């Protein structure tokens, strides 16, 4: 019998959340790699974009982790 207000964890949903976190982390790595692709350097514009992408992605990952 479950306590009042408690619920059973859905393992499959948890796996999807974990998968999404890994996808976002991979996306961040690929963005950094793409920024270096043309000249093997990250210029100021690319750096600004990467910082924005990283900041927003980190927020998203933080919210996803709250669900686990």
Protein backbone atom coordinates (compact mmCIF):
# COMPACT_ATOMS: atom_id res chain seq x y z
CA UNK A 1 0.00 0.00 0.00
CA UNK A 2 1.34 3.41 -0.98
CA UNK A 3 1.42 6.28 1.47
CA UNK A 4 -0.95 9.14 0.83
CA UNK A 5 0.50 11.48 -1.78
CA UNK A 6 3.18 9.05 -2.93
CA UNK A 7 3.45 7.51 -6.35
CA UNK A 8 5.33 4.80 -8.16
CA UNK A 9 8.25 5.90 -10.30
CA UNK A 10 7.86 5.24 -13.98
CA UNK A 11 11.22 3.75 -14.94
CA UNK A 12 10.57 4.28 -18.64
CA UNK A 13 9.85 7.96 -18.17
CA UNK A 14 12.97 8.32 -16.04
CA UNK A 15 15.01 6.72 -18.83
CA UNK A 16 13.60 9.20 -21.35
CA UNK A 17 14.55 12.10 -19.09
CA UNK A 18 18.08 10.71 -18.66
CA UNK A 19 18.30 10.23 -22.42
CA UNK A 20 17.28 13.85 -23.01
CA UNK A 21 19.98 15.05 -20.60
CA UNK A 22 22.58 13.04 -22.50
CA UNK A 23 21.30 14.40 -25.82
CA UNK A 24 21.65 17.99 -24.63
CA UNK A 25 25.15 17.32 -23.27
CA UNK A 26 26.12 15.79 -26.61
CA UNK A 27 24.59 18.77 -28.43
CA UNK A 28 26.82 21.12 -26.42
CA UNK A 29 29.94 19.16 -27.36
CA UNK A 30 28.93 19.10 -31.02
CA UNK A 31 28.32 22.86 -31.01
CA UNK A 32 31.81 23.48 -29.66
CA UNK A 33 33.27 21.14 -32.27
CA UNK A 34 31.28 22.89 -35.03
CA UNK A 35 32.53 26.31 -33.88
CA UNK A 36 36.13 25.12 -34.37
CA UNK A 37 35.44 23.33 -37.65
CA UNK A 38 36.18 26.10 -40.15
CA UNK A 39 39.44 27.49 -38.71
CA UNK A 40 40.17 25.39 -35.61
CA UNK A 41 39.51 28.47 -33.45
CA UNK A 42 36.52 29.93 -31.66
CA UNK A 43 36.04 33.59 -32.55
CA UNK A 44 34.16 36.15 -30.45
CA UNK A 45 30.83 35.68 -32.23
CA UNK A 46 31.03 31.90 -31.90
CA UNK A 47 32.04 32.23 -28.26
CA UNK A 48 29.03 34.44 -27.56
CA UNK A 49 26.73 31.90 -29.21
CA UNK A 50 28.32 29.00 -27.32
CA UNK A 51 27.93 30.82 -24.00
CA UNK A 52 24.26 31.49 -24.67
CA UNK A 53 23.61 27.92 -25.81
CA UNK A 54 25.47 26.53 -22.79
CA UNK A 55 23.66 28.80 -20.33
CA UNK A 56 20.21 27.87 -21.62
CA UNK A 57 21.09 24.19 -21.96
CA UNK A 58 22.36 24.10 -18.38
CA UNK A 59 19.04 25.56 -17.20
CA UNK A 60 17.16 22.90 -19.15
CA UNK A 61 19.32 20.09 -17.76
CA UNK A 62 18.83 21.42 -14.24
CA UNK A 63 15.06 21.33 -14.67
CA UNK A 64 15.18 17.82 -16.12
CA UNK A 65 17.26 16.58 -13.19
CA UNK A 66 14.62 17.90 -10.80
CA UNK A 67 12.20 15.41 -12.37
CA UNK A 68 14.36 12.42 -11.51
